[in-house]
Amino acid sequence: MNKQEIQQKVESAIDQIRPYLEADGGNIRFVELTDDMIVNVELQGACRTCPMSIITLKNGVEAAVKKAVPEIVSVEAINLNK
């Protein structure tokens, strides 16, 4: 599978999670897939300021993306202060 195909699968997995984030006033935007197979996303709306965002990101978004695309190493939010 090439990088473009992987990116399409990642975006599809994110689209499946999006309604759950939107239900809580948040959203997520795919930013890029790095050569190291790290997915960078931007958390938006309520997800940006929620103290539970990192848990949602890792236990929800990252888990779903890795399940759909096992090649992915990690999902990182570029706009969360760690």
PDB file of N, CA and C in Angstrom:
ATOM      1  N   MET A   1       0.859  -1.183   0.000  1.00  0.00           N
ATOM      2  CA  MET A   1       0.000   0.000   0.000  1.00  0.00           C
ATOM      3  C   MET A   1       0.904   1.245   0.000  1.00  0.00           C
ATOM      4  N   ASN A   2       0.617   2.173  -0.905  1.00  0.00           N
ATOM      5  CA  ASN A   2       1.445   3.379  -0.957  1.00  0.00           C
ATOM      6  C   ASN A   2       0.928   4.429   0.035  1.00  0.00           C
ATOM      7  N   LYS A   3       1.714   5.483   0.164  1.00  0.00           N
ATOM      8  CA  LYS A   3       1.392   6.513   1.161  1.00  0.00           C
ATOM      9  C   LYS A   3       0.025   7.146   0.906  1.00  0.00           C
ATOM     10  N   GLN A   4      -0.316   7.356  -0.353  1.00  0.00           N
ATOM     11  CA  GLN A   4      -1.611   7.967  -0.676  1.00  0.00           C
ATOM     12  C   GLN A   4      -2.766   7.052  -0.255  1.00  0.00           C
ATOM     13  N   GLU A   5      -2.619   5.755  -0.473  1.00  0.00           N
ATOM     14  CA  GLU A   5      -3.661   4.807  -0.074  1.00  0.00           C
ATOM     15  C   GLU A   5      -3.796   4.758   1.448  1.00  0.00           C
ATOM     16  N   ILE A   6      -2.653   4.798   2.141  1.00  0.00           N
ATOM     17  CA  ILE A   6      -2.673   4.808   3.606  1.00  0.00           C
ATOM     18  C   ILE A   6      -3.374   6.065   4.097  1.00  0.00           C
ATOM     19  N   GLN A   7      -3.037   7.210   3.491  1.00  0.00           N
ATOM     20  CA  GLN A   7      -3.658   8.471   3.901  1.00  0.00           C
ATOM     21  C   GLN A   7      -5.170   8.422   3.700  1.00  0.00           C
ATOM     22  N   GLN A   8      -5.620   7.852   2.607  1.00  0.00           N
ATOM     23  CA  GLN A   8      -7.064   7.761   2.358  1.00  0.00           C
ATOM     24  C   GLN A   8      -7.746   6.899   3.421  1.00  0.00           C
ATOM     25  N   LYS A   9      -7.103   5.796   3.809  1.00  0.00           N
ATOM     26  CA  LYS A   9      -7.674   4.937   4.851  1.00  0.00           C
ATOM     27  C   LYS A   9      -7.697   5.657   6.192  1.00  0.00           C
ATOM     28  N   VAL A  10      -6.645   6.431   6.492  1.00  0.00           N
ATOM     29  CA  VAL A  10      -6.592   7.200   7.734  1.00  0.00           C
ATOM     30  C   VAL A  10      -7.721   8.219   7.760  1.00  0.00           C
ATOM     31  N   GLU A  11      -7.880   8.946   6.668  1.00  0.00           N
ATOM     32  CA  GLU A  11      -8.937   9.962   6.613  1.00  0.00           C
ATOM     33  C   GLU A  11     -10.318   9.327   6.750  1.00  0.00           C
ATOM     34  N   SER A  12     -10.502   8.161   6.184  1.00  0.00           N
ATOM     35  CA  SER A  12     -11.773   7.449   6.305  1.00  0.00           C
ATOM     36  C   SER A  12     -12.030   7.058   7.764  1.00  0.00           C
ATOM     37  N   ALA A  13     -10.992   6.580   8.450  1.00  0.00           N
ATOM     38  CA  ALA A  13     -11.132   6.212   9.865  1.00  0.00           C
ATOM     39  C   ALA A  13     -11.474   7.443  10.705  1.00  0.00           C
ATOM     40  N   ILE A  14     -10.842   8.556  10.415  1.00  0.00           N
ATOM     41  CA  ILE A  14     -11.123   9.802  11.144  1.00  0.00           C
ATOM     42  C   ILE A  14     -12.565  10.241  10.885  1.00  0.00           C
ATOM     43  N   ASP A  15     -13.020  10.099   9.653  1.00  0.00           N
ATOM     44  CA  ASP A  15     -14.396  10.478   9.319  1.00  0.00           C
ATOM     45  C   ASP A  15     -15.414   9.655  10.107  1.00  0.00           C
ATOM     46  N   GLN A  16     -15.076   8.415  10.417  1.00  0.00           N
ATOM     47  CA  GLN A  16     -15.986   7.564  11.186  1.00  0.00           C
ATOM     48  C   GLN A  16     -16.056   7.987  12.655  1.00  0.00           C
ATOM     49  N   ILE A  17     -15.012   8.617  13.153  1.00  0.00           N
ATOM     50  CA  ILE A  17     -14.947   9.073  14.549  1.00  0.00           C
ATOM     51  C   ILE A  17     -15.559  10.466  14.705  1.00  0.00           C
ATOM     52  N   ARG A  18     -15.494  11.233  13.653  1.00  0.00           N
ATOM     53  CA  ARG A  18     -15.916  12.642  13.685  1.00  0.00           C
ATOM     54  C   ARG A  18     -17.281  12.879  14.342  1.00  0.00           C
ATOM     55  N   PRO A  19     -18.327  12.091  14.050  1.00  0.00           N
ATOM     56  CA  PRO A  19     -19.642  12.358  14.668  1.00  0.00           C
ATOM     57  C   PRO A  19     -19.609  12.333  16.201  1.00  0.00           C
ATOM     58  N   TYR A  20     -18.764  11.492  16.775  1.00  0.00           N
ATOM     59  CA  TYR A  20     -18.669  11.433  18.239  1.00  0.00           C
ATOM     60  C   TYR A  20     -18.049  12.713  18.796  1.00  0.00           C
ATOM     61  N   LEU A  21     -17.068  13.242  18.087  1.00  0.00           N
ATOM     62  CA  LEU A  21     -16.446  14.499  18.514  1.00  0.00           C
ATOM     63  C   LEU A  21     -17.408  15.666  18.326  1.00  0.00           C
ATOM     64  N   GLU A  22     -18.114  15.656  17.208  1.00  0.00           N
ATOM     65  CA  GLU A  22     -19.069  16.735  16.932  1.00  0.00           C
ATOM     66  C   GLU A  22     -20.203  16.740  17.960  1.00  0.00           C
ATOM     67  N   ALA A  23     -20.575  15.568  18.447  1.00  0.00           N
ATOM     68  CA  ALA A  23     -21.653  15.476  19.448  1.00  0.00           C
ATOM     69  C   ALA A  23     -21.275  16.208  20.728  1.00  0.00           C
ATOM     70  N   ASP A  24     -19.978  16.317  20.990  1.00  0.00           N
ATOM     71  CA  ASP A  24     -19.494  17.031  22.180  1.00  0.00           C
ATOM     72  C   ASP A  24     -19.000  18.429  21.848  1.00  0.00           C
ATOM     73  N   GLY A  25     -19.313  18.929  20.659  1.00  0.00           N
ATOM     74  CA  GLY A  25     -18.939  20.292  20.277  1.00  0.00           C
ATOM     75  C   GLY A  25     -17.530  20.417  19.727  1.00  0.00           C
ATOM     76  N   GLY A  26     -16.922  19.304  19.377  1.00  0.00           N
ATOM     77  CA  GLY A  26     -15.561  19.347  18.853  1.00  0.00           C
ATOM     78  C   GLY A  26     -15.492  18.857  17.422  1.00  0.00           C
ATOM     79  N   ASN A  27     -14.278  18.763  16.931  1.00  0.00           N
ATOM     80  CA  ASN A  27     -14.044  18.253  15.590  1.00  0.00           C
ATOM     81  C   ASN A  27     -12.573  17.922  15.466  1.00  0.00           C
ATOM     82  N   ILE A  28     -12.202  17.321  14.345  1.00  0.00           N
ATOM     83  CA  ILE A  28     -10.821  16.947  14.094  1.00  0.00           C
ATOM     84  C   ILE A  28     -10.542  17.154  12.619  1.00  0.00           C
ATOM     85  N   ARG A  29      -9.328  17.621  12.318  1.00  0.00           N
ATOM     86  CA  ARG A  29      -8.933  17.851  10.921  1.00  0.00           C
ATOM     87  C   ARG A  29      -7.636  17.106  10.665  1.00  0.00           C
ATOM     88  N   PHE A  30      -7.618  16.279   9.626  1.00  0.00           N
ATOM     89  CA  PHE A  30      -6.391  15.614   9.202  1.00  0.00           C
ATOM     90  C   PHE A  30      -5.437  16.672   8.672  1.00  0.00           C
ATOM     91  N   VAL A  31      -4.173  16.625   9.112  1.00  0.00           N
ATOM     92  CA  VAL A  31      -3.181  17.591   8.639  1.00  0.00           C
ATOM     93  C   VAL A  31      -2.198  16.920   7.699  1.00  0.00           C
ATOM     94  N   GLU A  32      -1.553  15.850   8.160  1.00  0.00           N
ATOM     95  CA  GLU A  32      -0.580  15.182   7.304  1.00  0.00           C
ATOM     96  C   GLU A  32      -0.256  13.788   7.813  1.00  0.00           C
ATOM     97  N   LEU A  33       0.287  12.995   6.904  1.00  0.00           N
ATOM     98  CA  LEU A  33       0.851  11.694   7.228  1.00  0.00           C
ATOM     99  C   LEU A  33       2.338  11.816   6.966  1.00  0.00           C
ATOM    100  N   THR A  34       3.152  11.661   8.006  1.00  0.00           N
ATOM    101  CA  THR A  34       4.598  11.810   7.840  1.00  0.00           C
ATOM    102  C   THR A  34       5.199  10.553   7.227  1.00  0.00           C
ATOM    103  N   ASP A  35       6.435  10.661   6.794  1.00  0.00           N
ATOM    104  CA  ASP A  35       7.151   9.507   6.239  1.00  0.00           C
ATOM    105  C   ASP A  35       7.389   8.442   7.301  1.00  0.00           C
ATOM    106  N   ASP A  36       7.334   8.838   8.575  1.00  0.00           N
ATOM    107  CA  ASP A  36       7.514   7.909   9.693  1.00  0.00           C
ATOM    108  C   ASP A  36       6.191   7.252  10.110  1.00  0.00           C
ATOM    109  N   MET A  37       5.141   7.458   9.311  1.00  0.00           N
ATOM    110  CA  MET A  37       3.816   6.888   9.568  1.00  0.00           C
ATOM    111  C   MET A  37       3.181   7.448  10.846  1.00  0.00           C
ATOM    112  N   ILE A  38       3.401   8.724  11.082  1.00  0.00           N
ATOM    113  CA  ILE A  38       2.738   9.435  12.167  1.00  0.00           C
ATOM    114  C   ILE A  38       1.678  10.332  11.537  1.00  0.00           C
ATOM    115  N   VAL A  39       0.475  10.258  12.082  1.00  0.00           N
ATOM    116  CA  VAL A  39      -0.630  11.070  11.591  1.00  0.00           C
ATOM    117  C   VAL A  39      -0.705  12.330  12.453  1.00  0.00           C
ATOM    118  N   ASN A  40      -0.622  13.487  11.818  1.00  0.00           N
ATOM    119  CA  ASN A  40      -0.795  14.749  12.525  1.00  0.00           C
ATOM    120  C   ASN A  40      -2.198  15.260  12.255  1.00  0.00           C
ATOM    121  N   VAL A  41      -2.881  15.625  13.332  1.00  0.00           N
ATOM    122  CA  VAL A  41      -4.239  16.145  13.241  1.00  0.00           C
ATOM    123  C   VAL A  41      -4.337  17.449  14.019  1.00  0.00           C
ATOM    124  N   GLU A  42      -5.385  18.182  13.756  1.00  0.00           N
ATOM    125  CA  GLU A  42      -5.685  19.392  14.526  1.00  0.00           C
ATOM    126  C   GLU A  42      -7.027  19.175  15.203  1.00  0.00           C
ATOM    127  N   LEU A  43      -7.038  19.279  16.517  1.00  0.00           N
ATOM    128  CA  LEU A  43      -8.299  19.199  17.253  1.00  0.00           C
ATOM    129  C   LEU A  43      -8.951  20.565  17.217  1.00  0.00           C
ATOM    130  N   GLN A  44     -10.259  20.585  17.013  1.00  0.00           N
ATOM    131  CA  GLN A  44     -10.980  21.844  16.842  1.00  0.00           C
ATOM    132  C   GLN A  44     -12.153  21.933  17.795  1.00  0.00           C
ATOM    133  N   GLY A  45     -12.669  23.137  17.960  1.00  0.00           N
ATOM    134  CA  GLY A  45     -13.840  23.358  18.802  1.00  0.00           C
ATOM    135  C   GLY A  45     -13.559  22.980  20.244  1.00  0.00           C
ATOM    136  N   ALA A  46     -14.527  22.323  20.877  1.00  0.00           N
ATOM    137  CA  ALA A  46     -14.401  21.960  22.286  1.00  0.00           C
ATOM    138  C   ALA A  46     -13.221  21.027  22.529  1.00  0.00           C
ATOM    139  N   CYS A  47     -12.834  20.264  21.529  1.00  0.00           N
ATOM    140  CA  CYS A  47     -11.718  19.327  21.689  1.00  0.00           C
ATOM    141  C   CYS A  47     -10.393  20.044  21.941  1.00  0.00           C
ATOM    142  N   ARG A  48     -10.317  21.276  21.489  1.00  0.00           N
ATOM    143  CA  ARG A  48      -9.071  22.028  21.656  1.00  0.00           C
ATOM    144  C   ARG A  48      -8.804  22.390  23.108  1.00  0.00           C
ATOM    145  N   THR A  49      -9.842  22.636  23.847  1.00  0.00           N
ATOM    146  CA  THR A  49      -9.664  23.133  25.212  1.00  0.00           C
ATOM    147  C   THR A  49     -10.054  22.119  26.277  1.00  0.00           C
ATOM    148  N   CYS A  50     -10.572  20.987  25.869  1.00  0.00           N
ATOM    149  CA  CYS A  50     -11.014  19.976  26.832  1.00  0.00           C
ATOM    150  C   CYS A  50      -9.816  19.299  27.484  1.00  0.00           C
ATOM    151  N   PRO A  51      -9.820  19.206  28.821  1.00  0.00           N
ATOM    152  CA  PRO A  51      -8.699  18.555  29.504  1.00  0.00           C
ATOM    153  C   PRO A  51      -8.586  17.064  29.183  1.00  0.00           C
ATOM    154  N   MET A  52      -9.638  16.474  28.648  1.00  0.00           N
ATOM    155  CA  MET A  52      -9.618  15.048  28.311  1.00  0.00           C
ATOM    156  C   MET A  52      -9.205  14.799  26.856  1.00  0.00           C
ATOM    157  N   SER A  53      -8.834  15.847  26.132  1.00  0.00           N
ATOM    158  CA  SER A  53      -8.532  15.713  24.710  1.00  0.00           C
ATOM    159  C   SER A  53      -7.440  14.704  24.416  1.00  0.00           C
ATOM    160  N   ILE A  54      -6.377  14.690  25.208  1.00  0.00           N
ATOM    161  CA  ILE A  54      -5.278  13.765  24.930  1.00  0.00           C
ATOM    162  C   ILE A  54      -5.745  12.319  25.103  1.00  0.00           C
ATOM    163  N   ILE A  55      -6.634  12.090  26.055  1.00  0.00           N
ATOM    164  CA  ILE A  55      -7.165  10.734  26.253  1.00  0.00           C
ATOM    165  C   ILE A  55      -8.071  10.362  25.080  1.00  0.00           C
ATOM    166  N   THR A  56      -8.912  11.293  24.655  1.00  0.00           N
ATOM    167  CA  THR A  56      -9.764  11.057  23.484  1.00  0.00           C
ATOM    168  C   THR A  56      -8.903  10.780  22.266  1.00  0.00           C
ATOM    169  N   LEU A  57      -7.839  11.566  22.111  1.00  0.00           N
ATOM    170  CA  LEU A  57      -6.963  11.418  20.959  1.00  0.00           C
ATOM    171  C   LEU A  57      -6.318  10.035  20.941  1.00  0.00           C
ATOM    172  N   LYS A  58      -5.744   9.624  22.061  1.00  0.00           N
ATOM    173  CA  LYS A  58      -5.004   8.353  22.113  1.00  0.00           C
ATOM    174  C   LYS A  58      -5.932   7.141  22.187  1.00  0.00           C
ATOM    175  N   ASN A  59      -6.918   7.165  23.075  1.00  0.00           N
ATOM    176  CA  ASN A  59      -7.785   5.998  23.276  1.00  0.00           C
ATOM    177  C   ASN A  59      -8.889   5.890  22.239  1.00  0.00           C
ATOM    178  N   GLY A  60      -9.266   6.999  21.640  1.00  0.00           N
ATOM    179  CA  GLY A  60     -10.335   6.982  20.652  1.00  0.00           C
ATOM    180  C   GLY A  60      -9.806   7.062  19.235  1.00  0.00           C
ATOM    181  N   VAL A  61      -9.261   8.214  18.894  1.00  0.00           N
ATOM    182  CA  VAL A  61      -8.833   8.467  17.521  1.00  0.00           C
ATOM    183  C   VAL A  61      -7.673   7.549  17.128  1.00  0.00           C
ATOM    184  N   GLU A  62      -6.615   7.539  17.928  1.00  0.00           N
ATOM    185  CA  GLU A  62      -5.453   6.735  17.569  1.00  0.00           C
ATOM    186  C   GLU A  62      -5.803   5.245  17.504  1.00  0.00           C
ATOM    187  N   ALA A  63      -6.573   4.769  18.459  1.00  0.00           N
ATOM    188  CA  ALA A  63      -6.953   3.351  18.464  1.00  0.00           C
ATOM    189  C   ALA A  63      -7.732   2.993  17.200  1.00  0.00           C
ATOM    190  N   ALA A  64      -8.672   3.843  16.796  1.00  0.00           N
ATOM    191  CA  ALA A  64      -9.478   3.572  15.604  1.00  0.00           C
ATOM    192  C   ALA A  64      -8.629   3.630  14.335  1.00  0.00           C
ATOM    193  N   VAL A  65      -7.729   4.603  14.277  1.00  0.00           N
ATOM    194  CA  VAL A  65      -6.879   4.739  13.091  1.00  0.00           C
ATOM    195  C   VAL A  65      -5.932   3.543  12.981  1.00  0.00           C
ATOM    196  N   LYS A  66      -5.324   3.149  14.109  1.00  0.00           N
ATOM    197  CA  LYS A  66      -4.406   2.003  14.081  1.00  0.00           C
ATOM    198  C   LYS A  66      -5.137   0.706  13.744  1.00  0.00           C
ATOM    199  N   LYS A  67      -6.379   0.585  14.184  1.00  0.00           N
ATOM    200  CA  LYS A  67      -7.159  -0.609  13.860  1.00  0.00           C
ATOM    201  C   LYS A  67      -7.421  -0.673  12.357  1.00  0.00           C
ATOM    202  N   ALA A  68      -7.735   0.476  11.762  1.00  0.00           N
ATOM    203  CA  ALA A  68      -8.022   0.539  10.329  1.00  0.00           C
ATOM    204  C   ALA A  68      -6.748   0.454   9.488  1.00  0.00           C
ATOM    205  N   VAL A  69      -5.656   1.024  10.027  1.00  0.00           N
ATOM    206  CA  VAL A  69      -4.397   1.098   9.277  1.00  0.00           C
ATOM    207  C   VAL A  69      -3.251   0.720  10.228  1.00  0.00           C
ATOM    208  N   PRO A  70      -2.947  -0.569  10.355  1.00  0.00           N
ATOM    209  CA  PRO A  70      -1.930  -1.026  11.315  1.00  0.00           C
ATOM    210  C   PRO A  70      -0.538  -0.434  11.093  1.00  0.00           C
ATOM    211  N   GLU A  71      -0.276   0.084   9.904  1.00  0.00           N
ATOM    212  CA  GLU A  71       1.037   0.680   9.617  1.00  0.00           C
ATOM    213  C   GLU A  71       1.282   1.966  10.403  1.00  0.00           C
ATOM    214  N   ILE A  72       0.220   2.590  10.899  1.00  0.00           N
ATOM    215  CA  ILE A  72       0.355   3.862  11.615  1.00  0.00           C
ATOM    216  C   ILE A  72       1.022   3.639  12.968  1.00  0.00           C
ATOM    217  N   VAL A  73       2.006   4.487  13.254  1.00  0.00           N
ATOM    218  CA  VAL A  73       2.762   4.407  14.509  1.00  0.00           C
ATOM    219  C   VAL A  73       2.063   5.185  15.617  1.00  0.00           C
ATOM    220  N   SER A  74       1.553   6.382  15.263  1.00  0.00           N
ATOM    221  CA  SER A  74       0.998   7.270  16.274  1.00  0.00           C
ATOM    222  C   SER A  74       0.095   8.302  15.620  1.00  0.00           C
ATOM    223  N   VAL A  75      -0.828   8.846  16.413  1.00  0.00           N
ATOM    224  CA  VAL A  75      -1.642   9.991  15.990  1.00  0.00           C
ATOM    225  C   VAL A  75      -1.336  11.108  16.969  1.00  0.00           C
ATOM    226  N   GLU A  76      -0.905  12.250  16.451  1.00  0.00           N
ATOM    227  CA  GLU A  76      -0.502  13.385  17.274  1.00  0.00           C
ATOM    228  C   GLU A  76      -1.321  14.624  16.913  1.00  0.00           C
ATOM    229  N   ALA A  77      -1.708  15.376  17.930  1.00  0.00           N
ATOM    230  CA  ALA A  77      -2.412  16.644  17.698  1.00  0.00           C
ATOM    231  C   ALA A  77      -1.360  17.754  17.674  1.00  0.00           C
ATOM    232  N   ILE A  78      -1.305  18.483  16.575  1.00  0.00           N
ATOM    233  CA  ILE A  78      -0.292  19.528  16.426  1.00  0.00           C
ATOM    234  C   ILE A  78      -0.614  20.766  17.240  1.00  0.00           C
ATOM    235  N   ASN A  79      -1.836  20.859  17.746  1.00  0.00           N
ATOM    236  CA  ASN A  79      -2.246  22.068  18.468  1.00  0.00           C
ATOM    237  C   ASN A  79      -2.592  21.825  19.924  1.00  0.00           C
ATOM    238  N   LEU A  80      -2.127  20.714  20.495  1.00  0.00           N
ATOM    239  CA  LEU A  80      -2.337  20.459  21.924  1.00  0.00           C
ATOM    240  C   LEU A  80      -1.050  20.725  22.666  1.00  0.00           C
ATOM    241  N   ASN A  81      -1.170  21.431  23.770  1.00  0.00           N
ATOM    242  CA  ASN A  81       0.009  21.624  24.613  1.00  0.00           C
ATOM    243  C   ASN A  81       0.209  20.371  25.461  1.00  0.00           C
ATOM    244  N   LYS A  82       1.369  19.795  25.319  1.00  0.00           N
ATOM    245  CA  LYS A  82       1.624  18.550  26.069  1.00  0.00           C
ATOM    246  C   LYS A  82       2.414  18.850  27.309  1.00  0.00           C
TER     247      LYS A  82
END
